[in-house]
Amino acid sequence: MIRQGLGPSDAYAGALVHADGLTSLQYREKESSETQEVPAEATAPKFLRLDRRGNNFTLFVADADRHFWPPNLPQAAHR
């Protein structure tokens, strides 16, 4: 998770795997706004990587057979 600050309603972006395997990029664009969710195509991945480039966040996922995240790893979610 990457947060703008420590307040409970601060802007953030985070990678999340739910108990049912749903994997998503969740974010709040500005303070006190609603949390948004972009679901990944993969379910219950073994590895997550959250990249930040300026104000853009990208979630990469990999199964157990992919130990590294090469640049051509399919993008799961982007905001």
Protein backbone atom coordinates (compact mmCIF):
# COMPACT_ATOMS: atom_id res chain seq x y z
CA MET A 1 0.00 0.00 0.00
CA ILE A 2 1.15 3.50 -0.83
CA ARG A 3 -0.53 6.30 1.11
CA GLN A 4 -0.50 10.08 0.79
CA GLY A 5 -0.48 10.37 4.59
CA LEU A 6 -1.43 8.55 7.78
CA GLY A 7 -5.01 9.85 8.07
CA PRO A 8 -7.86 7.33 7.80
CA SER A 9 -9.33 9.00 4.71
CA ASP A 10 -6.08 9.95 2.90
CA ALA A 11 -5.54 9.10 -0.77
CA TYR A 12 -3.89 5.71 -1.37
CA ALA A 13 -3.29 2.87 -3.79
CA GLY A 14 -2.92 -0.74 -2.70
CA ALA A 15 -2.80 -4.32 -3.93
CA LEU A 16 -5.22 -6.73 -2.33
CA VAL A 17 -6.03 -10.43 -2.51
CA HIS A 18 -9.44 -11.19 -0.97
CA ALA A 19 -10.18 -14.47 0.84
CA ASP A 20 -12.04 -15.78 -2.23
CA GLY A 21 -8.99 -15.13 -4.46
CA LEU A 22 -10.26 -11.90 -6.06
CA THR A 23 -7.20 -9.74 -6.69
CA SER A 24 -7.47 -6.02 -7.25
CA LEU A 25 -5.88 -2.62 -7.26
CA GLN A 26 -7.79 -0.43 -4.80
CA TYR A 27 -7.34 3.32 -4.62
CA ARG A 28 -8.72 6.59 -3.34
CA GLU A 29 -7.80 9.49 -5.64
CA LYS A 30 -8.21 12.26 -3.10
CA GLU A 31 -8.87 12.64 0.60
CA SER A 32 -12.33 11.50 1.76
CA SER A 33 -13.35 10.21 -1.69
CA GLU A 34 -14.83 6.75 -2.26
CA THR A 35 -12.45 3.81 -2.61
CA GLN A 36 -12.35 2.48 -6.19
CA GLU A 37 -11.39 -1.04 -7.26
CA VAL A 38 -9.92 -2.40 -10.50
CA PRO A 39 -10.08 -6.22 -10.51
CA ALA A 40 -7.22 -8.23 -11.99
CA GLU A 41 -7.85 -11.05 -14.44
CA ALA A 42 -5.78 -13.45 -12.30
CA THR A 43 -7.25 -15.15 -9.26
CA ALA A 44 -5.21 -15.89 -6.11
CA PRO A 45 -1.75 -15.07 -7.52
CA LYS A 46 1.35 -16.05 -5.56
CA PHE A 47 3.16 -12.75 -6.17
CA LEU A 48 2.02 -9.12 -6.32
CA ARG A 49 3.98 -6.06 -7.38
CA LEU A 50 2.65 -2.52 -7.11
CA ASP A 51 4.59 0.03 -9.20
CA ARG A 52 4.35 3.79 -8.95
CA ARG A 53 5.43 6.13 -11.75
CA GLY A 54 4.46 9.66 -10.78
CA ASN A 55 0.71 9.53 -10.10
CA ASN A 56 0.18 6.25 -12.00
CA PHE A 57 0.00 2.92 -10.20
CA THR A 58 0.23 -0.48 -11.87
CA LEU A 59 -0.46 -3.85 -10.27
CA PHE A 60 1.48 -6.83 -11.64
CA VAL A 61 0.67 -10.41 -10.63
CA ALA A 62 2.42 -13.75 -11.09
CA ASP A 63 1.70 -17.38 -10.33
CA ALA A 64 4.13 -19.75 -8.59
CA ASP A 65 6.03 -20.46 -11.83
CA ARG A 66 7.08 -16.83 -12.29
CA HIS A 67 9.68 -15.87 -9.73
CA PHE A 68 10.46 -12.49 -11.24
CA TRP A 69 8.49 -9.70 -12.85
CA PRO A 70 10.05 -9.03 -16.25
CA PRO A 71 8.97 -5.88 -18.09
CA ASN A 72 6.69 -7.91 -20.38
CA LEU A 73 4.67 -9.43 -17.51
CA PRO A 74 0.98 -8.90 -18.35
CA GLN A 75 -0.47 -5.88 -16.64
CA ALA A 76 -3.34 -6.81 -14.37
CA ALA A 77 -4.67 -3.41 -13.37
CA HIS A 78 -3.65 0.18 -13.86
CA ARG A 79 -4.72 3.52 -12.48
